[in-house]
């Protein structure tokens, strides 16, 4: 299925990733609930359950091979899981990238992230759809980002952001592609304006 007016980003093994031009700048649908009907197909959100007490708190990020967003991240089934973290300074934008094979599990632990999610999968019913999710210390949510979804973030607020992420395979630069953060087709609005 070819999406009218779309621009081919990449193609591999019959899977086509495209940008469907958006004429107006914007953030797409801002997701305010983990089960929002506006979520791009395949994106999953789980709140981080925290167990605070007088000493601090405990939270489990990912349970591989168990029900939840890490369900198929199971080394017993051949998954080559990699867990990494990154720290980004306030105002930094790291976007937009995508994968053909890799699934990402994100857990923003500190700071606040403005996450862009863009469906590039030409055969997806949500192709061209853009979501924005604000996550981090003030909204402790975890994200599951499947292959073919463009994603990235900007750190908002005065604090650096720390992101812990797991992937269902070890890093392979041939699996990762990049799109400019200010691509005119995606037309994403990164600017914070008074409301």
Protein backbone atom coordinates (compact mmCIF):
# COMPACT_ATOMS: atom_id res chain seq x y z
CA UNK A 1 0.00 0.00 0.00
CA UNK A 2 1.49 3.33 -1.05
CA UNK A 3 0.46 6.33 1.03
CA UNK A 4 -0.33 9.33 -1.22
CA UNK A 5 2.15 12.25 -1.03
CA UNK A 6 4.46 10.31 1.28
CA UNK A 7 8.25 10.52 1.10
CA UNK A 8 10.27 7.33 1.33
CA UNK A 9 12.73 7.40 4.26
CA UNK A 10 14.09 3.87 4.05
CA UNK A 11 13.21 0.41 2.82
CA UNK A 12 14.42 -3.03 3.80
CA UNK A 13 13.07 -6.51 3.07
CA UNK A 14 9.83 -5.07 1.71
CA UNK A 15 9.22 -2.85 4.74
CA UNK A 16 8.88 0.79 3.69
CA UNK A 17 9.24 3.66 6.14
CA UNK A 18 7.74 6.93 4.95
CA UNK A 19 7.04 10.47 6.09
CA UNK A 20 3.50 11.66 5.47
CA UNK A 21 3.77 15.46 5.17
CA UNK A 22 2.00 17.55 7.79
CA UNK A 23 1.12 21.02 6.54
CA UNK A 24 0.79 22.65 9.95
CA UNK A 25 3.49 22.60 12.63
CA UNK A 26 2.43 20.89 15.83
CA UNK A 27 2.97 18.14 18.35
CA UNK A 28 0.31 15.74 17.10
CA UNK A 29 -1.77 14.14 19.82
CA UNK A 30 -0.48 14.81 23.34
CA UNK A 31 -0.94 11.58 25.27
CA UNK A 32 -2.23 12.08 28.81
CA UNK A 33 -3.27 8.51 29.67
CA UNK A 34 -1.43 5.18 29.16
CA UNK A 35 -4.44 3.66 27.36
CA UNK A 36 -5.23 6.70 25.23
CA UNK A 37 -7.11 5.81 22.04
CA UNK A 38 -4.88 8.37 20.28
CA UNK A 39 -1.74 6.27 20.77
CA UNK A 40 0.08 5.12 17.66
CA UNK A 41 -0.55 1.42 17.02
CA UNK A 42 2.09 -0.70 18.76
CA UNK A 43 3.18 1.93 21.29
CA UNK A 44 2.68 0.77 24.86
CA UNK A 45 2.89 2.78 28.06
CA UNK A 46 3.14 1.42 31.60
CA UNK A 47 3.28 3.55 34.74
CA UNK A 48 6.30 2.88 36.94
CA UNK A 49 5.02 1.47 40.23
CA UNK A 50 7.02 2.98 43.05
CA UNK A 51 7.25 1.66 46.59
CA UNK A 52 8.29 4.58 48.81
CA UNK A 53 9.04 4.35 52.50
CA UNK A 54 10.94 6.37 55.09
CA UNK A 55 14.28 5.31 53.54
CA UNK A 56 13.53 6.26 49.91
CA UNK A 57 11.84 4.15 47.26
CA UNK A 58 12.10 1.02 45.17
CA UNK A 59 10.79 0.60 41.61
CA UNK A 60 11.10 -2.19 39.09
CA UNK A 61 11.79 -0.99 35.55
CA UNK A 62 11.58 -4.05 33.31
CA UNK A 63 10.80 -7.70 33.99
CA UNK A 64 12.05 -9.56 30.95
CA UNK A 65 10.01 -12.55 29.79
CA UNK A 66 7.06 -11.74 32.08
CA UNK A 67 3.74 -10.07 31.23
CA UNK A 68 4.12 -6.37 30.46
CA UNK A 69 6.23 -4.32 28.07
CA UNK A 70 9.27 -6.62 28.48
CA UNK A 71 7.32 -9.81 27.75
CA UNK A 72 9.32 -10.91 24.69
CA UNK A 73 12.71 -9.68 25.93
CA UNK A 74 13.66 -13.19 27.00
CA UNK A 75 17.25 -14.42 26.65
CA UNK A 76 15.95 -18.00 26.86
CA UNK A 77 14.23 -17.36 23.51
CA UNK A 78 17.36 -15.94 21.88
CA UNK A 79 16.89 -12.23 22.63
CA UNK A 80 20.22 -10.41 22.98
CA UNK A 81 19.14 -7.77 25.47
CA UNK A 82 21.16 -4.64 26.01
CA UNK A 83 20.46 -2.20 28.86
CA UNK A 84 21.94 1.29 28.61
CA UNK A 85 21.46 4.78 29.96
CA UNK A 86 22.02 8.30 28.75
CA UNK A 87 22.07 11.71 30.42
CA UNK A 88 21.02 14.79 28.46
CA UNK A 89 21.32 18.40 29.56
CA UNK A 90 18.36 20.81 29.73
CA UNK A 91 17.09 21.89 26.31
CA UNK A 92 18.94 19.15 24.41
CA UNK A 93 17.09 17.51 21.51
CA UNK A 94 17.98 13.94 20.52
CA UNK A 95 15.78 13.11 17.56
CA UNK A 96 14.58 11.58 15.32
CA UNK A 97 15.74 8.00 14.86
CA UNK A 98 14.15 4.68 13.95
CA UNK A 99 14.95 0.98 13.67
CA UNK A 100 13.91 -1.82 11.32
CA UNK A 101 14.37 -4.65 13.84
CA UNK A 102 15.01 -3.24 17.30
CA UNK A 103 12.33 -2.66 19.93
CA UNK A 104 13.13 -0.10 22.64
CA UNK A 105 11.89 -0.03 26.22
CA UNK A 106 12.35 3.45 27.72
CA UNK A 107 12.27 4.43 31.39
CA UNK A 108 12.98 8.15 31.89
CA UNK A 109 14.14 8.33 35.51
CA UNK A 110 14.96 11.98 36.15
CA UNK A 111 14.20 15.26 34.49
CA UNK A 112 11.29 15.72 32.10
CA UNK A 113 11.21 14.49 28.50
CA UNK A 114 9.09 15.73 25.63
CA UNK A 115 9.02 12.54 23.56
CA UNK A 116 8.06 12.57 19.89
CA UNK A 117 6.68 9.37 18.42
CA UNK A 118 5.97 9.27 14.67
CA UNK A 119 4.60 6.26 12.79
CA UNK A 120 6.76 5.78 9.68
CA UNK A 121 5.42 2.31 8.80
CA UNK A 122 3.72 2.58 5.43
CA UNK A 123 1.54 -0.48 6.09
CA UNK A 124 0.34 0.74 9.51
CA UNK A 125 -3.20 2.05 10.05
CA UNK A 126 -1.64 4.93 12.01
CA UNK A 127 1.01 5.77 9.35
CA UNK A 128 1.91 9.46 9.56
CA UNK A 129 0.40 9.92 13.02
CA UNK A 130 2.46 11.88 15.56
CA UNK A 131 2.21 11.59 19.35
CA UNK A 132 3.86 13.62 22.09
CA UNK A 133 4.34 12.10 25.53
CA UNK A 134 5.67 14.08 28.51
CA UNK A 135 7.41 11.63 30.83
CA UNK A 136 10.04 11.64 33.54
CA UNK A 137 10.24 12.57 37.19
CA UNK A 138 6.79 14.22 37.18
CA UNK A 139 5.15 11.44 35.16
CA UNK A 140 6.96 8.12 35.73
CA UNK A 141 5.89 6.15 32.67
CA UNK A 142 7.76 3.51 30.68
CA UNK A 143 7.43 3.29 26.90
CA UNK A 144 7.64 0.39 24.46
CA UNK A 145 8.63 1.62 20.99
CA UNK A 146 8.46 -0.99 18.21
CA UNK A 147 10.44 -1.02 14.95
CA UNK A 148 9.38 1.49 12.29
CA UNK A 149 8.44 4.22 14.75
CA UNK A 150 10.42 7.46 14.60
CA UNK A 151 11.24 8.62 18.11
CA UNK A 152 13.31 11.10 20.05
CA UNK A 153 13.07 13.66 22.78
CA UNK A 154 13.81 17.11 24.14
CA UNK A 155 14.63 17.75 27.79
CA UNK A 156 12.19 20.30 29.17
CA UNK A 157 12.61 22.15 32.45
CA UNK A 158 15.73 23.09 34.40
CA UNK A 159 17.12 19.62 35.17
CA UNK A 160 19.13 17.14 33.14
CA UNK A 161 17.27 14.02 32.05
CA UNK A 162 18.37 10.44 32.64
CA UNK A 163 16.94 7.74 30.41
CA UNK A 164 17.44 4.03 31.06
CA UNK A 165 16.56 1.92 28.06
CA UNK A 166 16.59 -1.73 27.11
CA UNK A 167 16.70 -3.09 23.58
CA UNK A 168 15.81 -6.57 22.38
CA UNK A 169 19.13 -6.85 20.54
CA UNK A 170 22.60 -5.46 20.93
CA UNK A 171 23.40 -2.21 19.15
CA UNK A 172 23.71 -2.51 15.39
CA UNK A 173 24.37 0.75 13.51
CA UNK A 174 22.99 -0.83 10.30
CA UNK A 175 19.58 -1.16 12.00
CA UNK A 176 19.33 2.52 12.98
CA UNK A 177 18.32 5.39 10.74
CA UNK A 178 18.03 9.09 11.40
CA UNK A 179 15.73 11.90 10.35
CA UNK A 180 16.50 15.55 11.12
CA UNK A 181 14.79 16.84 14.27
CA UNK A 182 13.33 19.67 12.16
CA UNK A 183 12.30 17.64 9.12
CA UNK A 184 9.78 19.80 7.20
CA UNK A 185 7.57 16.80 6.41
CA UNK A 186 7.11 15.80 10.04
CA UNK A 187 6.85 19.53 10.89
CA UNK A 188 7.19 18.90 14.62
CA UNK A 189 6.93 21.92 16.90
CA UNK A 190 9.66 21.75 19.57
CA UNK A 191 9.03 25.31 20.81
CA UNK A 192 7.62 25.98 24.27
CA UNK A 193 5.11 28.82 24.15
CA UNK A 194 3.15 30.60 26.87
CA UNK A 195 -0.44 29.35 27.05
